[in-house]
Amino acid sequence: MTNSRKSALIIGASGFIGSHVAQYFSREGWQVAGLGTRPPENYPLQDLGAYYQLTLPADELGDIVRQIQPQVCIHCAGRASVYHSLQDPLADFKAHVEITLNVLNILRLAAPSCRLVFISSAAVYGNPEMLPVSEDRPLRPISPYGFHKLMGEQLCTEFHQVYGLPTATVRIFSAYGIGLRRQVLWDICQKAGHQPVLALHGTGLESRDFINVWDVARGIHHLVERAPFQAEAYNLASGKETTIEELAKLVVAFWGGKIPIEFDGVNPQGNPLNWQADISRISRLGFIPEITLAKGVKAYVDWRKIEALEQ
């Protein structure tokens, strides 16, 4: 892989966010290499100039980085489940903190000028005292997943301050889109298609800041082009608060029919109550989300309905 074009290494390229980031960067003319755990035959290789199947942490990553010498590394790897982090915090620690340390150290040694984008999460905020929450608000995670994302951010700051590695952190709020097979939108669609009553956790007044994964990819590309990479953090979200009840009603409307919605009043451990991001920092760099929630949810529901028919 040569550096005749801008080059990017996507770690976690076989995951939900990583695969969309790889596709977006490829369409923007970047030469993209992907690293993931899926075998090559199960990955859409048309978006990549090279693909490496590897489970991190691994010393072999150093050979890959030395070979391709990426200008940008986007670190999307890691588990994405608050529930599973509560059930197995050790596995979650390894999937986040150990892998992030491995990536940072190899970049330090093999490509010290490579800019690293670390994919973090709004989970680092826990339950914010006020909304919308800005990047300089206190970080108070309430789940192992949130704590481990915060540790990853701290490692990025360490490697920037101590070794001069250019890093930036992206705190993604509630990303959704075609291909997502977990979290609240998936759960609502699963139940809307198979159950007479849409039974959900919580009160319905819990809220999230939803952002389509294609806007996530656009936002990351925007930061790569314009951010200073001085270990700063950016919220990546729509900037709009949506309650779970509002989301459920939107899904039901697009699904068709009349499905009653019920809430059990129980908020699962580790789940925040309300989220809304202050996106003024990334907006000052010129980024504005384009895909409305209604448009994105309709596309998601249409995708799920087609899948349901094929099953």
C-alpha atoms as a PDB file:
ATOM      1  CA  MET A   1       0.000   0.000   0.000  1.00  0.00           C
ATOM      2  CA  THR A   2       1.632   3.243  -1.127  1.00  0.00           C
ATOM      3  CA  ASN A   3       1.144   6.780   0.146  1.00  0.00           C
ATOM      4  CA  SER A   4       0.360   8.322  -3.255  1.00  0.00           C
ATOM      5  CA  ARG A   5      -3.064   9.179  -1.806  1.00  0.00           C
ATOM      6  CA  LYS A   6      -4.062  10.100   1.720  1.00  0.00           C
ATOM      7  CA  SER A   7      -3.905   6.900   3.738  1.00  0.00           C
ATOM      8  CA  ALA A   8      -5.984   5.756   6.695  1.00  0.00           C
ATOM      9  CA  LEU A   9      -5.949   2.677   8.900  1.00  0.00           C
ATOM     10  CA  ILE A  10      -9.341   1.779  10.399  1.00  0.00           C
ATOM     11  CA  ILE A  11      -8.990  -0.422  13.483  1.00  0.00           C
ATOM     12  CA  GLY A  12     -12.248  -2.237  14.105  1.00  0.00           C
ATOM     13  CA  ALA A  13     -13.189  -1.945  10.436  1.00  0.00           C
ATOM     14  CA  SER A  14     -15.476  -4.973  10.636  1.00  0.00           C
ATOM     15  CA  GLY A  15     -17.670  -3.344  13.282  1.00  0.00           C
ATOM     16  CA  PHE A  16     -20.743  -1.141  12.874  1.00  0.00           C
ATOM     17  CA  ILE A  17     -19.056   2.269  13.071  1.00  0.00           C
ATOM     18  CA  GLY A  18     -15.722   1.143  11.626  1.00  0.00           C
ATOM     19  CA  SER A  19     -17.266  -0.293   8.473  1.00  0.00           C
ATOM     20  CA  HIS A  20     -19.157   2.923   7.739  1.00  0.00           C
ATOM     21  CA  VAL A  21     -16.058   5.018   8.412  1.00  0.00           C
ATOM     22  CA  ALA A  22     -14.064   2.864   6.002  1.00  0.00           C
ATOM     23  CA  GLN A  23     -16.745   3.249   3.347  1.00  0.00           C
ATOM     24  CA  TYR A  24     -16.936   7.026   3.784  1.00  0.00           C
ATOM     25  CA  PHE A  25     -13.177   7.595   3.676  1.00  0.00           C
ATOM     26  CA  SER A  26     -12.880   5.371   0.611  1.00  0.00           C
ATOM     27  CA  ARG A  27     -15.560   7.391  -1.180  1.00  0.00           C
ATOM     28  CA  GLU A  28     -13.676  10.569  -0.288  1.00  0.00           C
ATOM     29  CA  GLY A  29     -10.635   9.276  -2.151  1.00  0.00           C
ATOM     30  CA  TRP A  30      -8.561   7.953   0.736  1.00  0.00           C
ATOM     31  CA  GLN A  31      -6.534   4.796   0.479  1.00  0.00           C
ATOM     32  CA  VAL A  32      -8.027   2.774   3.307  1.00  0.00           C
ATOM     33  CA  ALA A  33      -6.663  -0.257   5.116  1.00  0.00           C
ATOM     34  CA  GLY A  34      -8.928  -2.062   7.542  1.00  0.00           C
ATOM     35  CA  LEU A  35      -8.175  -4.258  10.512  1.00  0.00           C
ATOM     36  CA  GLY A  36     -10.872  -6.424  12.036  1.00  0.00           C
ATOM     37  CA  THR A  37     -11.741  -9.770  13.561  1.00  0.00           C
ATOM     38  CA  ARG A  38     -13.995 -11.025  10.765  1.00  0.00           C
ATOM     39  CA  PRO A  39     -12.489 -13.291   8.104  1.00  0.00           C
ATOM     40  CA  PRO A  40     -11.948 -11.513   4.766  1.00  0.00           C
ATOM     41  CA  GLU A  41     -14.720 -13.454   3.033  1.00  0.00           C
ATOM     42  CA  ASN A  42     -17.241 -11.877   5.438  1.00  0.00           C
ATOM     43  CA  TYR A  43     -16.156  -8.276   4.862  1.00  0.00           C
ATOM     44  CA  PRO A  44     -17.073  -5.862   1.994  1.00  0.00           C
ATOM     45  CA  LEU A  45     -13.532  -5.501   0.700  1.00  0.00           C
ATOM     46  CA  GLN A  46     -14.504  -3.123  -2.114  1.00  0.00           C
ATOM     47  CA  ASP A  47     -14.085  -0.222   0.349  1.00  0.00           C
ATOM     48  CA  LEU A  48     -10.526  -1.195   1.260  1.00  0.00           C
ATOM     49  CA  GLY A  49      -7.131  -1.266  -0.340  1.00  0.00           C
ATOM     50  CA  ALA A  50      -6.061  -3.891   2.199  1.00  0.00           C
ATOM     51  CA  TYR A  51      -7.695  -5.870   4.998  1.00  0.00           C
ATOM     52  CA  TYR A  52      -6.005  -7.610   7.923  1.00  0.00           C
ATOM     53  CA  GLN A  53      -7.741 -10.124  10.159  1.00  0.00           C
ATOM     54  CA  LEU A  54      -6.207  -9.720  13.594  1.00  0.00           C
ATOM     55  CA  THR A  55      -7.319  -9.889  17.214  1.00  0.00           C
ATOM     56  CA  LEU A  56      -5.789  -7.155  19.361  1.00  0.00           C
ATOM     57  CA  PRO A  57      -3.721  -6.581  21.386  1.00  0.00           C
ATOM     58  CA  ALA A  58      -1.046  -8.056  19.133  1.00  0.00           C
ATOM     59  CA  ASP A  59       2.575  -7.237  18.294  1.00  0.00           C
ATOM     60  CA  GLU A  60       1.751  -8.033  14.651  1.00  0.00           C
ATOM     61  CA  LEU A  61       0.007  -4.671  14.466  1.00  0.00           C
ATOM     62  CA  GLY A  62       3.452  -3.077  14.435  1.00  0.00           C
ATOM     63  CA  ASP A  63       4.377  -4.868  11.205  1.00  0.00           C
ATOM     64  CA  ILE A  64       1.136  -3.686   9.586  1.00  0.00           C
ATOM     65  CA  VAL A  65       1.654  -0.064  10.636  1.00  0.00           C
ATOM     66  CA  ARG A  66       5.275  -0.065   9.447  1.00  0.00           C
ATOM     67  CA  GLN A  67       4.201  -1.496   6.113  1.00  0.00           C
ATOM     68  CA  ILE A  68       1.396   0.946   5.290  1.00  0.00           C
ATOM     69  CA  GLN A  69       2.585   4.054   7.232  1.00  0.00           C
ATOM     70  CA  PRO A  70      -0.907   5.540   7.620  1.00  0.00           C
ATOM     71  CA  GLN A  71      -1.358   9.284   7.922  1.00  0.00           C
ATOM     72  CA  VAL A  72      -4.451   8.718  10.067  1.00  0.00           C
ATOM     73  CA  CYS A  73      -5.490   5.851  12.344  1.00  0.00           C
ATOM     74  CA  ILE A  74      -9.134   5.673  13.435  1.00  0.00           C
ATOM     75  CA  HIS A  75      -9.501   3.397  16.456  1.00  0.00           C
ATOM     76  CA  CYS A  76     -13.054   1.991  16.452  1.00  0.00           C
ATOM     77  CA  ALA A  77     -12.288  -1.360  18.084  1.00  0.00           C
ATOM     78  CA  GLY A  78     -13.857  -2.504  21.338  1.00  0.00           C
ATOM     79  CA  ARG A  79     -17.057  -3.898  22.791  1.00  0.00           C
ATOM     80  CA  ALA A  80     -20.137  -1.679  22.655  1.00  0.00           C
ATOM     81  CA  SER A  81     -22.405  -2.974  25.400  1.00  0.00           C
ATOM     82  CA  VAL A  82     -23.044  -1.496  28.831  1.00  0.00           C
ATOM     83  CA  TYR A  83     -24.841  -4.706  29.831  1.00  0.00           C
ATOM     84  CA  HIS A  84     -21.929  -6.966  28.906  1.00  0.00           C
ATOM     85  CA  SER A  85     -19.450  -4.631  30.623  1.00  0.00           C
ATOM     86  CA  LEU A  86     -21.437  -5.058  33.832  1.00  0.00           C
ATOM     87  CA  GLN A  87     -21.489  -8.841  33.436  1.00  0.00           C
ATOM     88  CA  ASP A  88     -17.787  -9.154  32.581  1.00  0.00           C
ATOM     89  CA  PRO A  89     -15.795  -6.000  33.433  1.00  0.00           C
ATOM     90  CA  LEU A  90     -12.458  -7.775  32.922  1.00  0.00           C
ATOM     91  CA  ALA A  91     -13.266  -8.664  29.315  1.00  0.00           C
ATOM     92  CA  ASP A  92     -14.485  -5.111  28.743  1.00  0.00           C
ATOM     93  CA  PHE A  93     -11.255  -3.693  30.216  1.00  0.00           C
ATOM     94  CA  LYS A  94      -9.178  -5.844  27.891  1.00  0.00           C
ATOM     95  CA  ALA A  95     -11.301  -4.944  24.873  1.00  0.00           C
ATOM     96  CA  HIS A  96     -10.919  -1.227  25.514  1.00  0.00           C
ATOM     97  CA  VAL A  97      -7.979  -0.269  27.695  1.00  0.00           C
ATOM     98  CA  GLU A  98      -5.482  -2.969  26.723  1.00  0.00           C
ATOM     99  CA  ILE A  99      -6.213  -2.635  23.011  1.00  0.00           C
ATOM    100  CA  THR A 100      -5.994   1.168  23.131  1.00  0.00           C
ATOM    101  CA  LEU A 101      -2.645   1.021  24.911  1.00  0.00           C
ATOM    102  CA  ASN A 102      -1.414  -1.472  22.308  1.00  0.00           C
ATOM    103  CA  VAL A 103      -2.496   0.803  19.436  1.00  0.00           C
ATOM    104  CA  LEU A 104      -0.983   3.940  20.950  1.00  0.00           C
ATOM    105  CA  ASN A 105       2.330   2.321  21.763  1.00  0.00           C
ATOM    106  CA  ILE A 106       2.707   0.814  18.300  1.00  0.00           C
ATOM    107  CA  LEU A 107       1.922   4.152  16.660  1.00  0.00           C
ATOM    108  CA  ARG A 108       4.509   5.784  18.927  1.00  0.00           C
ATOM    109  CA  LEU A 109       7.142   3.338  17.749  1.00  0.00           C
ATOM    110  CA  ALA A 110       6.186   2.680  14.126  1.00  0.00           C
ATOM    111  CA  ALA A 111       4.395   5.830  12.884  1.00  0.00           C
ATOM    112  CA  PRO A 112       4.887   8.688  15.367  1.00  0.00           C
ATOM    113  CA  SER A 113       3.428  11.343  13.058  1.00  0.00           C
ATOM    114  CA  CYS A 114       0.213   9.384  12.429  1.00  0.00           C
ATOM    115  CA  ARG A 115      -2.883  11.176  13.746  1.00  0.00           C
ATOM    116  CA  LEU A 116      -5.051   8.988  15.973  1.00  0.00           C
ATOM    117  CA  VAL A 117      -8.810   9.412  16.266  1.00  0.00           C
ATOM    118  CA  PHE A 118     -10.024   7.567  19.360  1.00  0.00           C
ATOM    119  CA  ILE A 119     -13.690   6.590  19.300  1.00  0.00           C
ATOM    120  CA  SER A 120     -15.045   7.202  22.785  1.00  0.00           C
ATOM    121  CA  SER A 121     -18.613   7.463  24.035  1.00  0.00           C
ATOM    122  CA  ALA A 122     -21.073   9.745  25.774  1.00  0.00           C
ATOM    123  CA  ALA A 123     -20.962   7.072  28.495  1.00  0.00           C
ATOM    124  CA  VAL A 124     -18.008   8.973  29.994  1.00  0.00           C
ATOM    125  CA  TYR A 125     -20.498  11.631  31.170  1.00  0.00           C
ATOM    126  CA  GLY A 126     -22.750   9.224  33.076  1.00  0.00           C
ATOM    127  CA  ASN A 127     -25.803  11.203  34.189  1.00  0.00           C
ATOM    128  CA  PRO A 128     -24.972  14.840  33.374  1.00  0.00           C
ATOM    129  CA  GLU A 129     -26.137  17.428  35.901  1.00  0.00           C
ATOM    130  CA  MET A 130     -27.310  19.714  33.105  1.00  0.00           C
ATOM    131  CA  LEU A 131     -28.176  19.446  29.412  1.00  0.00           C
ATOM    132  CA  PRO A 132     -26.926  19.916  26.817  1.00  0.00           C
ATOM    133  CA  VAL A 133     -23.612  18.557  28.072  1.00  0.00           C
ATOM    134  CA  SER A 134     -20.394  20.101  26.754  1.00  0.00           C
ATOM    135  CA  GLU A 135     -16.955  18.523  26.563  1.00  0.00           C
ATOM    136  CA  ASP A 136     -15.665  20.426  29.592  1.00  0.00           C
ATOM    137  CA  ARG A 137     -18.345  19.103  31.963  1.00  0.00           C
ATOM    138  CA  PRO A 138     -17.349  16.604  34.713  1.00  0.00           C
ATOM    139  CA  LEU A 139     -16.795  13.027  33.531  1.00  0.00           C
ATOM    140  CA  ARG A 140     -18.657  10.642  35.846  1.00  0.00           C
ATOM    141  CA  PRO A 141     -19.216   7.236  34.218  1.00  0.00           C
ATOM    142  CA  ILE A 142     -21.761   4.871  35.751  1.00  0.00           C
ATOM    143  CA  SER A 143     -20.762   1.627  34.005  1.00  0.00           C
ATOM    144  CA  PRO A 144     -17.525  -0.294  33.408  1.00  0.00           C
ATOM    145  CA  TYR A 145     -17.949   0.522  29.719  1.00  0.00           C
ATOM    146  CA  GLY A 146     -17.960   4.254  30.490  1.00  0.00           C
ATOM    147  CA  PHE A 147     -14.987   3.993  32.850  1.00  0.00           C
ATOM    148  CA  HIS A 148     -12.966   2.044  30.295  1.00  0.00           C
ATOM    149  CA  LYS A 149     -13.724   4.555  27.535  1.00  0.00           C
ATOM    150  CA  LEU A 150     -12.536   7.291  29.888  1.00  0.00           C
ATOM    151  CA  MET A 151      -9.325   5.354  30.543  1.00  0.00           C
ATOM    152  CA  GLY A 152      -8.802   5.186  26.779  1.00  0.00           C
ATOM    153  CA  GLU A 153      -9.184   8.958  26.562  1.00  0.00           C
ATOM    154  CA  GLN A 154      -6.641   9.405  29.349  1.00  0.00           C
ATOM    155  CA  LEU A 155      -4.195   7.163  27.501  1.00  0.00           C
ATOM    156  CA  CYS A 156      -4.579   9.345  24.405  1.00  0.00           C
ATOM    157  CA  THR A 157      -3.771  12.417  26.512  1.00  0.00           C
ATOM    158  CA  GLU A 158      -0.773  10.617  28.030  1.00  0.00           C
ATOM    159  CA  PHE A 159       0.711   9.656  24.676  1.00  0.00           C
ATOM    160  CA  HIS A 160       0.186  13.159  23.312  1.00  0.00           C
ATOM    161  CA  GLN A 161       1.700  14.943  26.297  1.00  0.00           C
ATOM    162  CA  VAL A 162       4.575  12.526  26.920  1.00  0.00           C
ATOM    163  CA  TYR A 163       5.435  11.362  23.393  1.00  0.00           C
ATOM    164  CA  GLY A 164       3.938  14.051  21.171  1.00  0.00           C
ATOM    165  CA  LEU A 165       1.602  11.630  19.375  1.00  0.00           C
ATOM    166  CA  PRO A 166      -1.203  13.623  17.675  1.00  0.00           C
ATOM    167  CA  THR A 167      -4.521  12.397  19.108  1.00  0.00           C
ATOM    168  CA  ALA A 168      -8.149  13.480  19.217  1.00  0.00           C
ATOM    169  CA  THR A 169     -11.112  11.884  20.975  1.00  0.00           C
ATOM    170  CA  VAL A 170     -14.642  11.653  19.566  1.00  0.00           C
ATOM    171  CA  ARG A 171     -17.415  11.103  22.116  1.00  0.00           C
ATOM    172  CA  ILE A 172     -20.200   9.533  20.084  1.00  0.00           C
ATOM    173  CA  PHE A 173     -23.679   9.701  21.530  1.00  0.00           C
ATOM    174  CA  SER A 174     -26.418   7.286  20.378  1.00  0.00           C
ATOM    175  CA  ALA A 175     -25.284   6.180  16.921  1.00  0.00           C
ATOM    176  CA  TYR A 176     -27.744   4.218  14.816  1.00  0.00           C
ATOM    177  CA  GLY A 177     -28.199   3.201  11.199  1.00  0.00           C
ATOM    178  CA  ILE A 178     -28.575   0.344   8.775  1.00  0.00           C
ATOM    179  CA  GLY A 179     -26.530  -2.613   9.961  1.00  0.00           C
ATOM    180  CA  LEU A 180     -26.939  -1.959  13.693  1.00  0.00           C
ATOM    181  CA  ARG A 181     -28.116  -5.117  15.458  1.00  0.00           C
ATOM    182  CA  ARG A 182     -28.182  -4.012  19.082  1.00  0.00           C
ATOM    183  CA  GLN A 183     -29.371  -1.197  21.366  1.00  0.00           C
ATOM    184  CA  VAL A 184     -32.734   0.492  21.666  1.00  0.00           C
ATOM    185  CA  LEU A 185     -33.723   1.015  18.014  1.00  0.00           C
ATOM    186  CA  TRP A 186     -32.968  -2.619  17.166  1.00  0.00           C
ATOM    187  CA  ASP A 187     -34.908  -3.760  20.228  1.00  0.00           C
ATOM    188  CA  ILE A 188     -37.951  -1.657  19.316  1.00  0.00           C
ATOM    189  CA  CYS A 189     -37.992  -2.961  15.740  1.00  0.00           C
ATOM    190  CA  GLN A 190     -37.590  -6.567  16.883  1.00  0.00           C
ATOM    191  CA  LYS A 191     -40.596  -6.266  19.168  1.00  0.00           C
ATOM    192  CA  ALA A 192     -42.675  -4.226  16.711  1.00  0.00           C
ATOM    193  CA  GLY A 193     -42.301  -6.975  14.150  1.00  0.00           C
ATOM    194  CA  HIS A 194     -42.940  -9.984  16.356  1.00  0.00           C
ATOM    195  CA  GLN A 195     -44.956  -9.044  19.450  1.00  0.00           C
ATOM    196  CA  PRO A 196     -48.514  -7.721  19.924  1.00  0.00           C
ATOM    197  CA  VAL A 197     -47.357  -5.201  22.562  1.00  0.00           C
ATOM    198  CA  LEU A 198     -44.224  -3.073  22.359  1.00  0.00           C
ATOM    199  CA  ALA A 199     -42.899  -3.661  25.897  1.00  0.00           C
ATOM    200  CA  LEU A 200     -39.878  -1.533  26.798  1.00  0.00           C
ATOM    201  CA  HIS A 201     -37.782  -0.787  29.870  1.00  0.00           C
ATOM    202  CA  GLY A 202     -37.948   2.520  31.723  1.00  0.00           C
ATOM    203  CA  THR A 203     -40.656   5.163  31.795  1.00  0.00           C
ATOM    204  CA  GLY A 204     -40.345   6.371  28.220  1.00  0.00           C
ATOM    205  CA  LEU A 205     -39.120   9.752  29.444  1.00  0.00           C
ATOM    206  CA  GLU A 206     -35.495   8.659  29.291  1.00  0.00           C
ATOM    207  CA  SER A 207     -33.810  10.456  26.426  1.00  0.00           C
ATOM    208  CA  ARG A 208     -30.917  10.088  24.008  1.00  0.00           C
ATOM    209  CA  ASP A 209     -29.181  12.197  21.390  1.00  0.00           C
ATOM    210  CA  PHE A 210     -29.384  10.079  18.238  1.00  0.00           C
ATOM    211  CA  ILE A 211     -27.005  10.500  15.321  1.00  0.00           C
ATOM    212  CA  ASN A 212     -27.010   8.518  12.112  1.00  0.00           C
ATOM    213  CA  VAL A 213     -23.852   6.492  11.531  1.00  0.00           C
ATOM    214  CA  TRP A 214     -23.311   8.168   8.163  1.00  0.00           C
ATOM    215  CA  ASP A 215     -23.150  11.530   9.956  1.00  0.00           C
ATOM    216  CA  VAL A 216     -20.740   9.891  12.416  1.00  0.00           C
ATOM    217  CA  ALA A 217     -18.461   8.954   9.526  1.00  0.00           C
ATOM    218  CA  ARG A 218     -18.803  12.452   8.056  1.00  0.00           C
ATOM    219  CA  GLY A 219     -17.974  14.015  11.405  1.00  0.00           C
ATOM    220  CA  ILE A 220     -14.860  11.900  11.870  1.00  0.00           C
ATOM    221  CA  HIS A 221     -13.676  12.765   8.366  1.00  0.00           C
ATOM    222  CA  HIS A 222     -14.309  16.428   9.127  1.00  0.00           C
ATOM    223  CA  LEU A 223     -12.140  16.246  12.245  1.00  0.00           C
ATOM    224  CA  VAL A 224      -9.359  14.472  10.380  1.00  0.00           C
ATOM    225  CA  GLU A 225      -9.287  17.341   7.902  1.00  0.00           C
ATOM    226  CA  ARG A 226      -9.578  20.225  10.399  1.00  0.00           C
ATOM    227  CA  ALA A 227      -8.857  19.301  14.030  1.00  0.00           C
ATOM    228  CA  PRO A 228      -5.538  20.258  15.697  1.00  0.00           C
ATOM    229  CA  PHE A 229      -5.002  16.790  17.284  1.00  0.00           C
ATOM    230  CA  GLN A 230      -3.765  18.058  20.632  1.00  0.00           C
ATOM    231  CA  ALA A 231      -5.568  15.416  22.730  1.00  0.00           C
ATOM    232  CA  GLU A 232      -8.811  17.396  22.601  1.00  0.00           C
ATOM    233  CA  ALA A 233     -12.281  15.818  22.771  1.00  0.00           C
ATOM    234  CA  TYR A 234     -15.364  16.408  20.617  1.00  0.00           C
ATOM    235  CA  ASN A 235     -19.013  15.512  21.109  1.00  0.00           C
ATOM    236  CA  LEU A 236     -20.402  13.892  17.973  1.00  0.00           C
ATOM    237  CA  ALA A 237     -24.211  13.947  18.043  1.00  0.00           C
ATOM    238  CA  SER A 238     -27.227  15.693  16.562  1.00  0.00           C
ATOM    239  CA  GLY A 239     -27.514  18.144  19.441  1.00  0.00           C
ATOM    240  CA  LYS A 240     -31.194  17.196  19.844  1.00  0.00           C
ATOM    241  CA  GLU A 241     -32.835  15.338  22.724  1.00  0.00           C
ATOM    242  CA  THR A 242     -35.354  12.594  21.902  1.00  0.00           C
ATOM    243  CA  THR A 243     -37.248  10.581  24.495  1.00  0.00           C
ATOM    244  CA  ILE A 244     -37.502   6.827  24.122  1.00  0.00           C
ATOM    245  CA  GLU A 245     -41.279   7.178  23.939  1.00  0.00           C
ATOM    246  CA  GLU A 246     -40.924   9.574  21.002  1.00  0.00           C
ATOM    247  CA  LEU A 247     -38.558   7.160  19.288  1.00  0.00           C
ATOM    248  CA  ALA A 248     -40.920   4.229  19.841  1.00  0.00           C
ATOM    249  CA  LYS A 249     -43.862   6.155  18.400  1.00  0.00           C
ATOM    250  CA  LEU A 250     -41.774   7.095  15.369  1.00  0.00           C
ATOM    251  CA  VAL A 251     -40.847   3.456  14.751  1.00  0.00           C
ATOM    252  CA  VAL A 252     -44.460   2.312  15.138  1.00  0.00           C
ATOM    253  CA  ALA A 253     -45.640   4.964  12.686  1.00  0.00           C
ATOM    254  CA  PHE A 254     -43.137   3.838  10.061  1.00  0.00           C
ATOM    255  CA  TRP A 255     -43.730   0.145  10.771  1.00  0.00           C
ATOM    256  CA  GLY A 256     -47.454   0.499  10.148  1.00  0.00           C
ATOM    257  CA  GLY A 257     -50.417  -0.735  12.116  1.00  0.00           C
ATOM    258  CA  LYS A 258     -51.307   0.106  15.697  1.00  0.00           C
ATOM    259  CA  ILE A 259     -48.992  -1.415  18.270  1.00  0.00           C
ATOM    260  CA  PRO A 260     -49.582  -0.452  21.933  1.00  0.00           C
ATOM    261  CA  ILE A 261     -46.461   0.775  23.746  1.00  0.00           C
ATOM    262  CA  GLU A 262     -45.855  -0.101  27.398  1.00  0.00           C
ATOM    263  CA  PHE A 263     -42.992   0.775  29.757  1.00  0.00           C
ATOM    264  CA  ASP A 264     -42.087  -1.248  32.850  1.00  0.00           C
ATOM    265  CA  GLY A 265     -40.671   1.680  34.848  1.00  0.00           C
ATOM    266  CA  VAL A 266     -37.319  -0.096  35.380  1.00  0.00           C
ATOM    267  CA  ASN A 267     -34.162   1.600  34.137  1.00  0.00           C
ATOM    268  CA  PRO A 268     -31.389  -1.019  33.718  1.00  0.00           C
ATOM    269  CA  GLN A 269     -28.217  -0.553  35.727  1.00  0.00           C
ATOM    270  CA  GLY A 270     -25.550   1.497  33.964  1.00  0.00           C
ATOM    271  CA  ASN A 271     -27.974   3.236  31.608  1.00  0.00           C
ATOM    272  CA  PRO A 272     -28.101   7.044  31.868  1.00  0.00           C
ATOM    273  CA  LEU A 273     -31.412   8.822  32.230  1.00  0.00           C
ATOM    274  CA  ASN A 274     -31.072  11.725  29.821  1.00  0.00           C
ATOM    275  CA  TRP A 275     -28.588  12.784  27.154  1.00  0.00           C
ATOM    276  CA  GLN A 276     -28.273  15.768  24.882  1.00  0.00           C
ATOM    277  CA  ALA A 277     -24.956  16.951  23.494  1.00  0.00           C
ATOM    278  CA  ASP A 278     -23.618  20.437  23.117  1.00  0.00           C
ATOM    279  CA  ILE A 279     -22.065  20.181  19.638  1.00  0.00           C
ATOM    280  CA  SER A 280     -20.771  23.751  19.401  1.00  0.00           C
ATOM    281  CA  ARG A 281     -17.110  22.656  19.525  1.00  0.00           C
ATOM    282  CA  ILE A 282     -17.296  20.448  16.438  1.00  0.00           C
ATOM    283  CA  SER A 283     -19.687  22.926  14.809  1.00  0.00           C
ATOM    284  CA  ARG A 284     -17.016  25.621  15.059  1.00  0.00           C
ATOM    285  CA  LEU A 285     -14.945  23.430  12.755  1.00  0.00           C
ATOM    286  CA  GLY A 286     -17.792  23.539  10.244  1.00  0.00           C
ATOM    287  CA  PHE A 287     -19.541  20.219  10.864  1.00  0.00           C
ATOM    288  CA  ILE A 288     -23.352  20.082  10.883  1.00  0.00           C
ATOM    289  CA  PRO A 289     -25.312  16.773  10.964  1.00  0.00           C
ATOM    290  CA  GLU A 290     -27.385  16.261   7.813  1.00  0.00           C
ATOM    291  CA  ILE A 291     -29.645  13.238   8.418  1.00  0.00           C
ATOM    292  CA  THR A 292     -32.781  13.959  10.438  1.00  0.00           C
ATOM    293  CA  LEU A 293     -33.991  11.386  12.932  1.00  0.00           C
ATOM    294  CA  ALA A 294     -37.205  10.829  10.965  1.00  0.00           C
ATOM    295  CA  LYS A 295     -35.307  10.158   7.745  1.00  0.00           C
ATOM    296  CA  GLY A 296     -32.769   7.898   9.441  1.00  0.00           C
ATOM    297  CA  VAL A 297     -35.339   5.907  11.410  1.00  0.00           C
ATOM    298  CA  LYS A 298     -37.520   5.391   8.334  1.00  0.00           C
ATOM    299  CA  ALA A 299     -34.524   3.983   6.430  1.00  0.00           C
ATOM    300  CA  TYR A 300     -33.714   1.720   9.386  1.00  0.00           C
ATOM    301  CA  VAL A 301     -37.308   0.462   9.708  1.00  0.00           C
ATOM    302  CA  ASP A 302     -37.495  -0.200   5.950  1.00  0.00           C
ATOM    303  CA  TRP A 303     -34.271  -2.242   6.196  1.00  0.00           C
ATOM    304  CA  ARG A 304     -35.590  -4.257   9.147  1.00  0.00           C
ATOM    305  CA  LYS A 305     -38.929  -4.919   7.420  1.00  0.00           C
ATOM    306  CA  ILE A 306     -37.135  -6.279   4.342  1.00  0.00           C
ATOM    307  CA  GLU A 307     -34.969  -8.507   6.552  1.00  0.00           C
ATOM    308  CA  ALA A 308     -38.074  -9.753   8.397  1.00  0.00           C
ATOM    309  CA  LEU A 309     -39.684 -10.745   5.103  1.00  0.00           C
ATOM    310  CA  GLU A 310     -36.577 -12.653   4.044  1.00  0.00           C
ATOM    311  CA  GLN A 311     -36.325 -14.644   7.284  1.00  0.00           C
END
